[in-house]
Amino acid sequence: MIVTTMATRTTEIDRPLTGAALIKEVCRRIRVARSYWDAHNNRACRAEREKAMALYETLSPLEREKIPQVLRVWLRYRSDKYFGARRTPPKS
């Protein structure tokens, strides 16, 4: 009987994102949320937007400026209009 074990190694997912990787991930999540928005998939858009917003909140003011303005505007203003706290929550 042969028993094989897989070596475990730390991957990028296991480490917290910082610097350029964090900025890149925020941009990616905003773009994914926008694509869900364009496809009228509101539930997925809301979930992805919340993840993007959580990561965006961890950025410093200088790092936030590195996010393209189009993405920042969509995340903070336009999507807040439809998914913000002032809106009626979705039905379950």
Protein backbone atom coordinates (compact mmCIF):
# COMPACT_ATOMS: atom_id res chain seq x y z
CA MET A 1 0.00 0.00 0.00
CA ILE A 2 1.44 3.37 -1.05
CA VAL A 3 0.45 6.45 0.92
CA THR A 4 1.16 9.83 -0.53
CA THR A 5 0.83 13.09 1.24
CA MET A 6 0.59 16.48 -0.29
CA ALA A 7 2.91 19.13 0.98
CA THR A 8 1.11 22.20 2.18
CA ARG A 9 2.41 25.56 1.17
CA THR A 10 1.30 29.08 1.79
CA THR A 11 -0.42 30.58 -1.22
CA GLU A 12 -1.34 34.13 -2.10
CA ILE A 13 -4.85 33.51 -0.76
CA ASP A 14 -3.57 32.69 2.73
CA ARG A 15 -1.70 35.97 3.14
CA PRO A 16 -3.50 39.27 3.63
CA LEU A 17 -3.25 41.53 0.61
CA THR A 18 -1.23 44.71 0.82
CA GLY A 19 -0.01 47.44 -1.49
CA ALA A 20 -0.42 46.95 -5.22
CA ALA A 21 -2.03 43.52 -4.82
CA LEU A 22 -4.77 45.00 -2.62
CA ILE A 23 -5.42 47.82 -5.09
CA LYS A 24 -5.58 45.32 -7.94
CA GLU A 25 -8.04 43.12 -6.02
CA VAL A 26 -10.30 46.08 -5.21
CA CYS A 27 -10.37 47.08 -8.89
CA ARG A 28 -11.12 43.50 -9.90
CA ARG A 29 -14.00 43.19 -7.44
CA ILE A 30 -15.52 46.50 -8.54
CA ARG A 31 -15.31 45.42 -12.19
CA VAL A 32 -16.97 42.09 -11.36
CA ALA A 33 -19.74 43.90 -9.47
CA ARG A 34 -20.26 46.23 -12.45
CA SER A 35 -20.51 43.26 -14.82
CA TYR A 36 -23.16 41.69 -12.56
CA TRP A 37 -24.94 45.05 -12.53
CA ASP A 38 -24.92 45.22 -16.32
CA ALA A 39 -26.31 41.67 -16.44
CA HIS A 40 -29.15 42.66 -14.04
CA ASN A 41 -27.93 40.14 -11.46
CA ASN A 42 -28.62 42.25 -8.39
CA ARG A 43 -28.01 39.65 -5.71
CA ALA A 44 -24.54 38.78 -7.02
CA CYS A 45 -23.81 42.46 -7.60
CA ARG A 46 -24.73 43.34 -4.04
CA ALA A 47 -22.52 40.59 -2.61
CA GLU A 48 -19.54 41.50 -4.78
CA ARG A 49 -20.00 45.22 -4.05
CA GLU A 50 -19.95 44.55 -0.31
CA LYS A 51 -16.68 42.63 -0.65
CA ALA A 52 -15.19 45.41 -2.76
CA MET A 53 -16.37 48.06 -0.31
CA ALA A 54 -14.85 46.15 2.64
CA LEU A 55 -11.49 46.00 0.87
CA TYR A 56 -11.79 49.62 -0.26
CA GLU A 57 -12.29 50.75 3.34
CA THR A 58 -8.92 49.20 4.28
CA LEU A 59 -7.05 51.38 1.77
CA SER A 60 -5.21 54.51 2.84
CA PRO A 61 -6.19 57.82 1.19
CA LEU A 62 -3.13 57.67 -1.06
CA GLU A 63 -3.96 54.12 -2.14
CA ARG A 64 -7.57 55.10 -2.84
CA GLU A 65 -6.34 57.66 -5.35
CA LYS A 66 -4.70 54.85 -7.32
CA ILE A 67 -8.12 53.28 -7.98
CA PRO A 68 -9.41 54.59 -11.35
CA GLN A 69 -11.93 57.37 -10.86
CA VAL A 70 -14.62 55.59 -12.89
CA LEU A 71 -14.49 52.65 -10.50
CA ARG A 72 -14.44 54.83 -7.39
CA VAL A 73 -17.48 56.78 -8.58
CA TRP A 74 -19.41 53.62 -9.33
CA LEU A 75 -18.53 52.03 -5.99
CA ARG A 76 -19.18 55.00 -3.73
CA TYR A 77 -22.01 56.90 -5.38
CA ARG A 78 -23.91 55.11 -8.10
CA SER A 79 -24.00 51.70 -6.45
CA ASP A 80 -24.76 53.31 -3.08
CA LYS A 81 -27.88 54.78 -4.65
CA TYR A 82 -29.19 51.28 -5.33
CA PHE A 83 -27.50 49.14 -2.67
CA GLY A 84 -26.83 51.59 0.16
CA ALA A 85 -28.26 51.54 3.65
CA ARG A 86 -31.06 53.93 2.70
CA ARG A 87 -32.56 51.48 0.21
CA THR A 88 -35.16 48.86 1.03
CA PRO A 89 -33.43 45.55 1.77
CA PRO A 90 -33.97 42.72 -0.74
CA LYS A 91 -36.67 40.16 -0.12
CA SER A 92 -35.46 36.77 1.02
